[in-house]
Amino acid sequence: MYNLLLISGGVTFLFFIISWIVFYQMSVRFIESEIVKEGGILPPRRPIGSIAVHYAMVLLLPVNIIHRQAFVDGVSARRLSRKKDRILAIILFISSILYIVASTFFYFLYDTE
């Protein structure tokens, strides 16, 4: 069981990292280039690539919550996004949930104390 949880944690982590990189390279860069073409201002960069998470949240959350998102221009990002961008945001969200669940099971089942 220990090996199964260790392997599942590693696989979900790799899936999460790959989906993060793909979402950033394909969606975030496209949306930001379109914002720049329209004359908009890009948000300041944060450490560890958190900009990808903010764009994914903007693409997945309902419209009334987007207006309260202060870090990125949610209205422009949603308007300029493609269907592919929303699908990649869903994949990023699902992979992050799977990784968190696998890590939590591993932590609680094999606590060192």
PDB file of N, CA and C in Angstrom:
ATOM      1  N   MET A   1       0.825  -1.200   0.000  1.00  0.00           N
ATOM      2  CA  MET A   1       0.000   0.000   0.000  1.00  0.00           C
ATOM      3  C   MET A   1       0.866   1.260   0.000  1.00  0.00           C
ATOM      4  N   TYR A   2       1.971   1.205   0.759  1.00  0.00           N
ATOM      5  CA  TYR A   2       2.872   2.348   0.826  1.00  0.00           C
ATOM      6  C   TYR A   2       3.420   2.683  -0.558  1.00  0.00           C
ATOM      7  N   ASN A   3       3.869   1.652  -1.281  1.00  0.00           N
ATOM      8  CA  ASN A   3       4.429   1.887  -2.617  1.00  0.00           C
ATOM      9  C   ASN A   3       3.375   2.421  -3.583  1.00  0.00           C
ATOM     10  N   LEU A   4       2.153   1.920  -3.473  1.00  0.00           N
ATOM     11  CA  LEU A   4       1.071   2.387  -4.335  1.00  0.00           C
ATOM     12  C   LEU A   4       0.781   3.870  -4.101  1.00  0.00           C
ATOM     13  N   LEU A   5       0.730   4.263  -2.828  1.00  0.00           N
ATOM     14  CA  LEU A   5       0.486   5.671  -2.532  1.00  0.00           C
ATOM     15  C   LEU A   5       1.667   6.538  -2.955  1.00  0.00           C
ATOM     16  N   LEU A   6       2.863   6.034  -2.807  1.00  0.00           N
ATOM     17  CA  LEU A   6       4.041   6.792  -3.219  1.00  0.00           C
ATOM     18  C   LEU A   6       4.060   6.988  -4.736  1.00  0.00           C
ATOM     19  N   ILE A   7       3.739   5.941  -5.466  1.00  0.00           N
ATOM     20  CA  ILE A   7       3.700   6.036  -6.930  1.00  0.00           C
ATOM     21  C   ILE A   7       2.559   6.945  -7.381  1.00  0.00           C
ATOM     22  N   SER A   8       1.398   6.806  -6.750  1.00  0.00           N
ATOM     23  CA  SER A   8       0.270   7.665  -7.151  1.00  0.00           C
ATOM     24  C   SER A   8       0.562   9.126  -6.829  1.00  0.00           C
ATOM     25  N   GLY A   9       1.242   9.398  -5.727  1.00  0.00           N
ATOM     26  CA  GLY A   9       1.622  10.766  -5.415  1.00  0.00           C
ATOM     27  C   GLY A   9       2.595  11.320  -6.439  1.00  0.00           C
ATOM     28  N   GLY A  10       3.554  10.506  -6.854  1.00  0.00           N
ATOM     29  CA  GLY A  10       4.519  10.946  -7.861  1.00  0.00           C
ATOM     30  C   GLY A  10       3.881  11.170  -9.214  1.00  0.00           C
ATOM     31  N   VAL A  11       2.978  10.284  -9.599  1.00  0.00           N
ATOM     32  CA  VAL A  11       2.311  10.419 -10.898  1.00  0.00           C
ATOM     33  C   VAL A  11       1.406  11.649 -10.910  1.00  0.00           C
ATOM     34  N   THR A  12       0.653  11.861  -9.833  1.00  0.00           N
ATOM     35  CA  THR A  12      -0.224  13.032  -9.798  1.00  0.00           C
ATOM     36  C   THR A  12       0.596  14.319  -9.736  1.00  0.00           C
ATOM     37  N   PHE A  13       1.750  14.286  -9.069  1.00  0.00           N
ATOM     38  CA  PHE A  13       2.610  15.466  -9.045  1.00  0.00           C
ATOM     39  C   PHE A  13       3.129  15.782 -10.451  1.00  0.00           C
ATOM     40  N   LEU A  14       3.572  14.761 -11.172  1.00  0.00           N
ATOM     41  CA  LEU A  14       4.045  14.985 -12.537  1.00  0.00           C
ATOM     42  C   LEU A  14       2.922  15.501 -13.440  1.00  0.00           C
ATOM     43  N   PHE A  15       1.721  14.928 -13.293  1.00  0.00           N
ATOM     44  CA  PHE A  15       0.568  15.381 -14.060  1.00  0.00           C
ATOM     45  C   PHE A  15       0.256  16.842 -13.748  1.00  0.00           C
ATOM     46  N   PHE A  16       0.353  17.210 -12.475  1.00  0.00           N
ATOM     47  CA  PHE A  16       0.093  18.578 -12.057  1.00  0.00           C
ATOM     48  C   PHE A  16       1.133  19.539 -12.631  1.00  0.00           C
ATOM     49  N   ILE A  17       2.401  19.196 -12.550  1.00  0.00           N
ATOM     50  CA  ILE A  17       3.459  20.071 -13.054  1.00  0.00           C
ATOM     51  C   ILE A  17       3.369  20.217 -14.575  1.00  0.00           C
ATOM     52  N   ILE A  18       3.121  19.120 -15.266  1.00  0.00           N
ATOM     53  CA  ILE A  18       3.009  19.181 -16.725  1.00  0.00           C
ATOM     54  C   ILE A  18       1.804  20.029 -17.139  1.00  0.00           C
ATOM     55  N   SER A  19       0.671  19.854 -16.460  1.00  0.00           N
ATOM     56  CA  SER A  19      -0.505  20.657 -16.806  1.00  0.00           C
ATOM     57  C   SER A  19      -0.279  22.128 -16.475  1.00  0.00           C
ATOM     58  N   TRP A  20       0.464  22.423 -15.424  1.00  0.00           N
ATOM     59  CA  TRP A  20       0.786  23.810 -15.068  1.00  0.00           C
ATOM     60  C   TRP A  20       1.619  24.453 -16.175  1.00  0.00           C
ATOM     61  N   ILE A  21       2.661  23.742 -16.616  1.00  0.00           N
ATOM     62  CA  ILE A  21       3.547  24.273 -17.654  1.00  0.00           C
ATOM     63  C   ILE A  21       2.795  24.457 -18.970  1.00  0.00           C
ATOM     64  N   VAL A  22       1.984  23.469 -19.345  1.00  0.00           N
ATOM     65  CA  VAL A  22       1.233  23.564 -20.600  1.00  0.00           C
ATOM     66  C   VAL A  22       0.231  24.718 -20.538  1.00  0.00           C
ATOM     67  N   PHE A  23      -0.474  24.863 -19.422  1.00  0.00           N
ATOM     68  CA  PHE A  23      -1.427  25.964 -19.294  1.00  0.00           C
ATOM     69  C   PHE A  23      -0.708  27.301 -19.379  1.00  0.00           C
ATOM     70  N   TYR A  24       0.438  27.419 -18.716  1.00  0.00           N
ATOM     71  CA  TYR A  24       1.158  28.687 -18.753  1.00  0.00           C
ATOM     72  C   TYR A  24       1.648  28.998 -20.168  1.00  0.00           C
ATOM     73  N   GLN A  25       2.253  28.004 -20.819  1.00  0.00           N
ATOM     74  CA  GLN A  25       2.835  28.246 -22.140  1.00  0.00           C
ATOM     75  C   GLN A  25       1.780  28.515 -23.210  1.00  0.00           C
ATOM     76  N   MET A  26       0.662  27.816 -23.138  1.00  0.00           N
ATOM     77  CA  MET A  26      -0.334  27.942 -24.206  1.00  0.00           C
ATOM     78  C   MET A  26      -1.385  29.008 -23.908  1.00  0.00           C
ATOM     79  N   SER A  27      -1.853  29.085 -22.683  1.00  0.00           N
ATOM     80  CA  SER A  27      -2.986  29.962 -22.391  1.00  0.00           C
ATOM     81  C   SER A  27      -2.570  31.318 -21.842  1.00  0.00           C
ATOM     82  N   VAL A  28      -1.731  31.295 -20.808  1.00  0.00           N
ATOM     83  CA  VAL A  28      -1.372  32.559 -20.162  1.00  0.00           C
ATOM     84  C   VAL A  28      -0.622  33.466 -21.138  1.00  0.00           C
ATOM     85  N   ARG A  29       0.313  32.901 -21.854  1.00  0.00           N
ATOM     86  CA  ARG A  29       1.057  33.727 -22.813  1.00  0.00           C
ATOM     87  C   ARG A  29       0.145  34.267 -23.918  1.00  0.00           C
ATOM     88  N   PHE A  30      -0.805  33.453 -24.386  1.00  0.00           N
ATOM     89  CA  PHE A  30      -1.735  33.928 -25.416  1.00  0.00           C
ATOM     90  C   PHE A  30      -2.608  35.052 -24.880  1.00  0.00           C
ATOM     91  N   ILE A  31      -3.184  34.858 -23.703  1.00  0.00           N
ATOM     92  CA  ILE A  31      -4.081  35.869 -23.135  1.00  0.00           C
ATOM     93  C   ILE A  31      -3.323  37.164 -22.879  1.00  0.00           C
ATOM     94  N   GLU A  32      -2.110  37.045 -22.332  1.00  0.00           N
ATOM     95  CA  GLU A  32      -1.339  38.256 -22.059  1.00  0.00           C
ATOM     96  C   GLU A  32      -0.918  38.971 -23.343  1.00  0.00           C
ATOM     97  N   SER A  33      -0.601  38.219 -24.383  1.00  0.00           N
ATOM     98  CA  SER A  33      -0.243  38.881 -25.642  1.00  0.00           C
ATOM     99  C   SER A  33      -1.444  39.603 -26.239  1.00  0.00           C
ATOM    100  N   GLU A  34      -2.632  39.031 -26.100  1.00  0.00           N
ATOM    101  CA  GLU A  34      -3.836  39.696 -26.593  1.00  0.00           C
ATOM    102  C   GLU A  34      -4.164  40.940 -25.772  1.00  0.00           C
ATOM    103  N   ILE A  35      -3.921  40.883 -24.464  1.00  0.00           N
ATOM    104  CA  ILE A  35      -4.147  42.060 -23.620  1.00  0.00           C
ATOM    105  C   ILE A  35      -3.199  43.184 -24.021  1.00  0.00           C
ATOM    106  N   VAL A  36      -1.949  42.837 -24.303  1.00  0.00           N
ATOM    107  CA  VAL A  36      -0.974  43.842 -24.723  1.00  0.00           C
ATOM    108  C   VAL A  36      -1.359  44.426 -26.074  1.00  0.00           C
ATOM    109  N   LYS A  37      -1.869  43.600 -26.998  1.00  0.00           N
ATOM    110  CA  LYS A  37      -2.301  44.103 -28.306  1.00  0.00           C
ATOM    111  C   LYS A  37      -3.429  45.115 -28.178  1.00  0.00           C
ATOM    112  N   GLU A  38      -4.293  44.906 -27.184  1.00  0.00           N
ATOM    113  CA  GLU A  38      -5.396  45.841 -26.960  1.00  0.00           C
ATOM    114  C   GLU A  38      -4.967  47.089 -26.203  1.00  0.00           C
ATOM    115  N   GLY A  39      -3.730  47.101 -25.724  1.00  0.00           N
ATOM    116  CA  GLY A  39      -3.232  48.263 -24.997  1.00  0.00           C
ATOM    117  C   GLY A  39      -3.408  48.166 -23.504  1.00  0.00           C
ATOM    118  N   GLY A  40      -3.700  46.985 -22.991  1.00  0.00           N
ATOM    119  CA  GLY A  40      -3.859  46.797 -21.562  1.00  0.00           C
ATOM    120  C   GLY A  40      -2.524  46.673 -20.844  1.00  0.00           C
ATOM    121  N   ILE A  41      -2.585  46.687 -19.541  1.00  0.00           N
ATOM    122  CA  ILE A  41      -1.390  46.573 -18.712  1.00  0.00           C
ATOM    123  C   ILE A  41      -1.376  45.185 -18.074  1.00  0.00           C
ATOM    124  N   LEU A  42      -0.224  44.522 -18.128  1.00  0.00           N
ATOM    125  CA  LEU A  42      -0.087  43.198 -17.536  1.00  0.00           C
ATOM    126  C   LEU A  42       0.094  43.306 -16.027  1.00  0.00           C
ATOM    127  N   PRO A  43      -0.379  42.306 -15.281  1.00  0.00           N
ATOM    128  CA  PRO A  43      -0.188  42.339 -13.832  1.00  0.00           C
ATOM    129  C   PRO A  43       1.281  42.105 -13.480  1.00  0.00           C
ATOM    130  N   PRO A  44       1.706  42.575 -12.307  1.00  0.00           N
ATOM    131  CA  PRO A  44       3.093  42.323 -11.889  1.00  0.00           C
ATOM    132  C   PRO A  44       3.318  40.837 -11.644  1.00  0.00           C
ATOM    133  N   ARG A  45       4.538  40.396 -11.837  1.00  0.00           N
ATOM    134  CA  ARG A  45       4.863  38.978 -11.665  1.00  0.00           C
ATOM    135  C   ARG A  45       5.033  38.631 -10.198  1.00  0.00           C
ATOM    136  N   ARG A  46       4.524  37.485  -9.830  1.00  0.00           N
ATOM    137  CA  ARG A  46       4.659  36.953  -8.475  1.00  0.00           C
ATOM    138  C   ARG A  46       5.567  35.736  -8.523  1.00  0.00           C
ATOM    139  N   PRO A  47       6.135  35.352  -7.396  1.00  0.00           N
ATOM    140  CA  PRO A  47       7.023  34.183  -7.396  1.00  0.00           C
ATOM    141  C   PRO A  47       6.269  32.877  -7.614  1.00  0.00           C
ATOM    142  N   ILE A  48       6.955  31.886  -8.047  1.00  0.00           N
ATOM    143  CA  ILE A  48       6.496  30.505  -8.213  1.00  0.00           C
ATOM    144  C   ILE A  48       5.358  30.374  -9.214  1.00  0.00           C
ATOM    145  N   GLY A  49       5.241  31.260 -10.139  1.00  0.00           N
ATOM    146  CA  GLY A  49       4.265  31.110 -11.204  1.00  0.00           C
ATOM    147  C   GLY A  49       2.821  31.186 -10.776  1.00  0.00           C
ATOM    148  N   SER A  50       2.525  31.965  -9.757  1.00  0.00           N
ATOM    149  CA  SER A  50       1.144  32.033  -9.283  1.00  0.00           C
ATOM    150  C   SER A  50       0.217  32.735 -10.274  1.00  0.00           C
ATOM    151  N   ILE A  51       0.786  33.402 -11.263  1.00  0.00           N
ATOM    152  CA  ILE A  51      -0.044  34.069 -12.266  1.00  0.00           C
ATOM    153  C   ILE A  51      -0.900  33.052 -13.024  1.00  0.00           C
ATOM    154  N   ALA A  52      -0.374  31.858 -13.239  1.00  0.00           N
ATOM    155  CA  ALA A  52      -1.132  30.815 -13.938  1.00  0.00           C
ATOM    156  C   ALA A  52      -2.352  30.408 -13.128  1.00  0.00           C
ATOM    157  N   VAL A  53      -2.204  30.322 -11.821  1.00  0.00           N
ATOM    158  CA  VAL A  53      -3.339  29.958 -10.965  1.00  0.00           C
ATOM    159  C   VAL A  53      -4.407  31.041 -11.020  1.00  0.00           C
ATOM    160  N   HIS A  54      -3.995  32.287 -11.025  1.00  0.00           N
ATOM    161  CA  HIS A  54      -4.967  33.384 -11.083  1.00  0.00           C
ATOM    162  C   HIS A  54      -5.728  33.385 -12.410  1.00  0.00           C
ATOM    163  N   TYR A  55      -5.019  33.166 -13.497  1.00  0.00           N
ATOM    164  CA  TYR A  55      -5.718  33.098 -14.785  1.00  0.00           C
ATOM    165  C   TYR A  55      -6.653  31.890 -14.841  1.00  0.00           C
ATOM    166  N   ALA A  56      -6.233  30.758 -14.282  1.00  0.00           N
ATOM    167  CA  ALA A  56      -7.108  29.583 -14.276  1.00  0.00           C
ATOM    168  C   ALA A  56      -8.361  29.842 -13.445  1.00  0.00           C
ATOM    169  N   MET A  57      -8.204  30.520 -12.311  1.00  0.00           N
ATOM    170  CA  MET A  57      -9.368  30.840 -11.492  1.00  0.00           C
ATOM    171  C   MET A  57     -10.311  31.782 -12.225  1.00  0.00           C
ATOM    172  N   VAL A  58      -9.755  32.750 -12.927  1.00  0.00           N
ATOM    173  CA  VAL A  58     -10.586  33.697 -13.676  1.00  0.00           C
ATOM    174  C   VAL A  58     -11.382  32.973 -14.755  1.00  0.00           C
ATOM    175  N   LEU A  59     -10.768  31.999 -15.410  1.00  0.00           N
ATOM    176  CA  LEU A  59     -11.466  31.288 -16.482  1.00  0.00           C
ATOM    177  C   LEU A  59     -12.511  30.314 -15.961  1.00  0.00           C
ATOM    178  N   LEU A  60     -12.369  29.857 -14.711  1.00  0.00           N
ATOM    179  CA  LEU A  60     -13.295  28.854 -14.187  1.00  0.00           C
ATOM    180  C   LEU A  60     -14.379  29.406 -13.281  1.00  0.00           C
ATOM    181  N   LEU A  61     -14.131  30.515 -12.620  1.00  0.00           N
ATOM    182  CA  LEU A  61     -15.104  31.044 -11.674  1.00  0.00           C
ATOM    183  C   LEU A  61     -16.248  31.762 -12.387  1.00  0.00           C
ATOM    184  N   PRO A  62     -17.399  31.874 -11.722  1.00  0.00           N
ATOM    185  CA  PRO A  62     -18.515  32.621 -12.312  1.00  0.00           C
ATOM    186  C   PRO A  62     -18.158  34.097 -12.509  1.00  0.00           C
ATOM    187  N   VAL A  63     -18.892  34.752 -13.378  1.00  0.00           N
ATOM    188  CA  VAL A  63     -18.582  36.118 -13.781  1.00  0.00           C
ATOM    189  C   VAL A  63     -18.657  37.090 -12.610  1.00  0.00           C
ATOM    190  N   ASN A  64     -19.620  36.939 -11.708  1.00  0.00           N
ATOM    191  CA  ASN A  64     -19.761  37.898 -10.616  1.00  0.00           C
ATOM    192  C   ASN A  64     -18.587  37.829  -9.631  1.00  0.00           C
ATOM    193  N   ILE A  65     -17.889  36.725  -9.557  1.00  0.00           N
ATOM    194  CA  ILE A  65     -16.721  36.604  -8.680  1.00  0.00           C
ATOM    195  C   ILE A  65     -15.488  37.175  -9.371  1.00  0.00           C
ATOM    196  N   ILE A  66     -15.462  37.155 -10.691  1.00  0.00           N
ATOM    197  CA  ILE A  66     -14.309  37.640 -11.438  1.00  0.00           C
ATOM    198  C   ILE A  66     -14.066  39.122 -11.168  1.00  0.00           C
ATOM    199  N   HIS A  67     -15.117  39.894 -10.992  1.00  0.00           N
ATOM    200  CA  HIS A  67     -14.958  41.330 -10.780  1.00  0.00           C
ATOM    201  C   HIS A  67     -14.233  41.622  -9.466  1.00  0.00           C
ATOM    202  N   ARG A  68     -14.280  40.686  -8.522  1.00  0.00           N
ATOM    203  CA  ARG A  68     -13.579  40.870  -7.255  1.00  0.00           C
ATOM    204  C   ARG A  68     -12.136  40.379  -7.320  1.00  0.00           C
ATOM    205  N   GLN A  69     -11.749  39.759  -8.415  1.00  0.00           N
ATOM    206  CA  GLN A  69     -10.369  39.277  -8.593  1.00  0.00           C
ATOM    207  C   GLN A  69      -9.496  40.487  -8.915  1.00  0.00           C
ATOM    208  N   ALA A  70      -8.662  40.876  -7.971  1.00  0.00           N
ATOM    209  CA  ALA A  70      -7.912  42.120  -8.124  1.00  0.00           C
ATOM    210  C   ALA A  70      -6.544  41.923  -8.764  1.00  0.00           C
ATOM    211  N   PHE A  71      -6.068  40.707  -8.865  1.00  0.00           N
ATOM    212  CA  PHE A  71      -4.702  40.499  -9.320  1.00  0.00           C
ATOM    213  C   PHE A  71      -4.555  40.549 -10.836  1.00  0.00           C
ATOM    214  N   VAL A  72      -5.494  39.980 -11.550  1.00  0.00           N
ATOM    215  CA  VAL A  72      -5.448  40.012 -13.012  1.00  0.00           C
ATOM    216  C   VAL A  72      -6.726  40.674 -13.525  1.00  0.00           C
ATOM    217  N   ASP A  73      -6.689  41.119 -14.761  1.00  0.00           N
ATOM    218  CA  ASP A  73      -7.873  41.708 -15.391  1.00  0.00           C
ATOM    219  C   ASP A  73      -8.774  40.557 -15.853  1.00  0.00           C
ATOM    220  N   GLY A  74      -9.687  40.179 -14.981  1.00  0.00           N
ATOM    221  CA  GLY A  74     -10.506  39.008 -15.232  1.00  0.00           C
ATOM    222  C   GLY A  74     -11.459  39.142 -16.385  1.00  0.00           C
ATOM    223  N   VAL A  75     -12.015  40.323 -16.558  1.00  0.00           N
ATOM    224  CA  VAL A  75     -12.983  40.527 -17.633  1.00  0.00           C
ATOM    225  C   VAL A  75     -12.292  40.403 -18.993  1.00  0.00           C
ATOM    226  N   SER A  76     -11.143  41.038 -19.128  1.00  0.00           N
ATOM    227  CA  SER A  76     -10.412  40.945 -20.396  1.00  0.00           C
ATOM    228  C   SER A  76      -9.896  39.531 -20.634  1.00  0.00           C
ATOM    229  N   ALA A  77      -9.401  38.896 -19.585  1.00  0.00           N
ATOM    230  CA  ALA A  77      -8.868  37.545 -19.740  1.00  0.00           C
ATOM    231  C   ALA A  77      -9.961  36.574 -20.170  1.00  0.00           C
ATOM    232  N   ARG A  78     -11.119  36.720 -19.589  1.00  0.00           N
ATOM    233  CA  ARG A  78     -12.225  35.824 -19.961  1.00  0.00           C
ATOM    234  C   ARG A  78     -12.710  36.097 -21.382  1.00  0.00           C
ATOM    235  N   ARG A  79     -12.752  37.345 -21.755  1.00  0.00           N
ATOM    236  CA  ARG A  79     -13.213  37.716 -23.094  1.00  0.00           C
ATOM    237  C   ARG A  79     -12.225  37.254 -24.163  1.00  0.00           C
ATOM    238  N   LEU A  80     -10.942  37.325 -23.879  1.00  0.00           N
ATOM    239  CA  LEU A  80      -9.922  36.980 -24.857  1.00  0.00           C
ATOM    240  C   LEU A  80      -9.553  35.501 -24.874  1.00  0.00           C
ATOM    241  N   SER A  81     -10.044  34.744 -23.915  1.00  0.00           N
ATOM    242  CA  SER A  81      -9.671  33.330 -23.845  1.00  0.00           C
ATOM    243  C   SER A  81     -10.410  32.511 -24.899  1.00  0.00           C
ATOM    244  N   ARG A  82      -9.794  31.398 -25.241  1.00  0.00           N
ATOM    245  CA  ARG A  82     -10.377  30.474 -26.206  1.00  0.00           C
ATOM    246  C   ARG A  82     -10.953  29.282 -25.457  1.00  0.00           C
ATOM    247  N   LYS A  83     -11.644  28.426 -26.182  1.00  0.00           N
ATOM    248  CA  LYS A  83     -12.193  27.216 -25.569  1.00  0.00           C
ATOM    249  C   LYS A  83     -11.062  26.326 -25.061  1.00  0.00           C
ATOM    250  N   LYS A  84      -9.966  26.286 -25.800  1.00  0.00           N
ATOM    251  CA  LYS A  84      -8.803  25.502 -25.400  1.00  0.00           C
ATOM    252  C   LYS A  84      -8.246  25.992 -24.061  1.00  0.00           C
ATOM    253  N   ASP A  85      -8.286  27.289 -23.833  1.00  0.00           N
ATOM    254  CA  ASP A  85      -7.778  27.848 -22.582  1.00  0.00           C
ATOM    255  C   ASP A  85      -8.624  27.398 -21.396  1.00  0.00           C
ATOM    256  N   ARG A  86      -9.920  27.369 -21.595  1.00  0.00           N
ATOM    257  CA  ARG A  86     -10.801  26.915 -20.501  1.00  0.00           C
ATOM    258  C   ARG A  86     -10.620  25.426 -20.219  1.00  0.00           C
ATOM    259  N   ILE A  87     -10.426  24.645 -21.263  1.00  0.00           N
ATOM    260  CA  ILE A  87     -10.186  23.202 -21.070  1.00  0.00           C
ATOM    261  C   ILE A  87      -8.875  22.977 -20.325  1.00  0.00           C
ATOM    262  N   LEU A  88      -7.837  23.718 -20.691  1.00  0.00           N
ATOM    263  CA  LEU A  88      -6.559  23.592 -19.987  1.00  0.00           C
ATOM    264  C   LEU A  88      -6.663  24.057 -18.534  1.00  0.00           C
ATOM    265  N   ALA A  89      -7.493  25.062 -18.274  1.00  0.00           N
ATOM    266  CA  ALA A  89      -7.715  25.507 -16.891  1.00  0.00           C
ATOM    267  C   ALA A  89      -8.422  24.424 -16.081  1.00  0.00           C
ATOM    268  N   ILE A  90      -9.370  23.730 -16.692  1.00  0.00           N
ATOM    269  CA  ILE A  90     -10.051  22.621 -16.007  1.00  0.00           C
ATOM    270  C   ILE A  90      -9.070  21.497 -15.720  1.00  0.00           C
ATOM    271  N   ILE A  91      -8.215  21.184 -16.677  1.00  0.00           N
ATOM    272  CA  ILE A  91      -7.211  20.132 -16.468  1.00  0.00           C
ATOM    273  C   ILE A  91      -6.257  20.522 -15.349  1.00  0.00           C
ATOM    274  N   LEU A  92      -5.834  21.780 -15.310  1.00  0.00           N
ATOM    275  CA  LEU A  92      -4.957  22.248 -14.240  1.00  0.00           C
ATOM    276  C   LEU A  92      -5.647  22.134 -12.887  1.00  0.00           C
ATOM    277  N   PHE A  93      -6.911  22.500 -12.824  1.00  0.00           N
ATOM    278  CA  PHE A  93      -7.657  22.420 -11.566  1.00  0.00           C
ATOM    279  C   PHE A  93      -7.819  20.971 -11.109  1.00  0.00           C
ATOM    280  N   ILE A  94      -8.189  20.090 -12.017  1.00  0.00           N
ATOM    281  CA  ILE A  94      -8.379  18.675 -11.662  1.00  0.00           C
ATOM    282  C   ILE A  94      -7.061  18.040 -11.225  1.00  0.00           C
ATOM    283  N   SER A  95      -5.977  18.349 -11.934  1.00  0.00           N
ATOM    284  CA  SER A  95      -4.692  17.756 -11.565  1.00  0.00           C
ATOM    285  C   SER A  95      -4.216  18.264 -10.206  1.00  0.00           C
ATOM    286  N   SER A  96      -4.496  19.525  -9.896  1.00  0.00           N
ATOM    287  CA  SER A  96      -4.094  20.030  -8.581  1.00  0.00           C
ATOM    288  C   SER A  96      -4.912  19.377  -7.469  1.00  0.00           C
ATOM    289  N   ILE A  97      -6.199  19.168  -7.695  1.00  0.00           N
ATOM    290  CA  ILE A  97      -7.034  18.486  -6.693  1.00  0.00           C
ATOM    291  C   ILE A  97      -6.565  17.050  -6.491  1.00  0.00           C
ATOM    292  N   LEU A  98      -6.254  16.348  -7.586  1.00  0.00           N
ATOM    293  CA  LEU A  98      -5.764  14.971  -7.465  1.00  0.00           C
ATOM    294  C   LEU A  98      -4.455  14.912  -6.683  1.00  0.00           C
ATOM    295  N   TYR A  99      -3.563  15.841  -6.950  1.00  0.00           N
ATOM    296  CA  TYR A  99      -2.293  15.869  -6.232  1.00  0.00           C
ATOM    297  C   TYR A  99      -2.500  16.155  -4.745  1.00  0.00           C
ATOM    298  N   ILE A 100      -3.377  17.080  -4.421  1.00  0.00           N
ATOM    299  CA  ILE A 100      -3.637  17.400  -3.012  1.00  0.00           C
ATOM    300  C   ILE A 100      -4.270  16.220  -2.293  1.00  0.00           C
ATOM    301  N   VAL A 101      -5.200  15.540  -2.947  1.00  0.00           N
ATOM    302  CA  VAL A 101      -5.843  14.375  -2.333  1.00  0.00           C
ATOM    303  C   VAL A 101      -4.843  13.246  -2.119  1.00  0.00           C
ATOM    304  N   ALA A 102      -4.013  12.960  -3.113  1.00  0.00           N
ATOM    305  CA  ALA A 102      -3.011  11.897  -2.973  1.00  0.00           C
ATOM    306  C   ALA A 102      -2.013  12.232  -1.875  1.00  0.00           C
ATOM    307  N   SER A 103      -1.595  13.468  -1.796  1.00  0.00           N
ATOM    308  CA  SER A 103      -0.644  13.872  -0.756  1.00  0.00           C
ATOM    309  C   SER A 103      -1.270  13.806   0.628  1.00  0.00           C
ATOM    310  N   THR A 104      -2.534  14.187   0.727  1.00  0.00           N
ATOM    311  CA  THR A 104      -3.215  14.131   2.017  1.00  0.00           C
ATOM    312  C   THR A 104      -3.391  12.700   2.491  1.00  0.00           C
ATOM    313  N   PHE A 105      -3.792  11.790   1.597  1.00  0.00           N
ATOM    314  CA  PHE A 105      -3.890  10.384   1.975  1.00  0.00           C
ATOM    315  C   PHE A 105      -2.550   9.847   2.432  1.00  0.00           C
ATOM    316  N   PHE A 106      -1.509  10.162   1.709  1.00  0.00           N
ATOM    317  CA  PHE A 106      -0.175   9.697   2.060  1.00  0.00           C
ATOM    318  C   PHE A 106       0.237  10.233   3.429  1.00  0.00           C
ATOM    319  N   TYR A 107      -0.050  11.484   3.706  1.00  0.00           N
ATOM    320  CA  TYR A 107       0.331  12.087   4.972  1.00  0.00           C
ATOM    321  C   TYR A 107      -0.414  11.447   6.143  1.00  0.00           C
ATOM    322  N   PHE A 108      -1.725  11.274   6.000  1.00  0.00           N
ATOM    323  CA  PHE A 108      -2.504  10.771   7.121  1.00  0.00           C
ATOM    324  C   PHE A 108      -2.361   9.262   7.313  1.00  0.00           C
ATOM    325  N   LEU A 109      -2.123   8.515   6.259  1.00  0.00           N
ATOM    326  CA  LEU A 109      -1.969   7.068   6.412  1.00  0.00           C
ATOM    327  C   LEU A 109      -0.579   6.664   6.893  1.00  0.00           C
ATOM    328  N   TYR A 110       0.418   7.449   6.539  1.00  0.00           N
ATOM    329  CA  TYR A 110       1.790   7.104   6.898  1.00  0.00           C
ATOM    330  C   TYR A 110       2.463   8.241   7.653  1.00  0.00           C
ATOM    331  N   ASP A 111       1.829   8.661   8.733  1.00  0.00           N
ATOM    332  CA  ASP A 111       2.417   9.679   9.570  1.00  0.00           C
ATOM    333  C   ASP A 111       3.606   9.081  10.321  1.00  0.00           C
ATOM    334  N   THR A 112       4.664   9.846  10.501  1.00  0.00           N
ATOM    335  CA  THR A 112       5.879   9.307  11.107  1.00  0.00           C
ATOM    336  C   THR A 112       5.806   9.156  12.609  1.00  0.00           C
ATOM    337  N   GLU A 113       4.844   9.766  13.260  1.00  0.00           N
ATOM    338  CA  GLU A 113       4.760   9.680  14.722  1.00  0.00           C
ATOM    339  C   GLU A 113       3.949   8.507  15.167  1.00  0.00           C
TER     340      GLU A 113
END
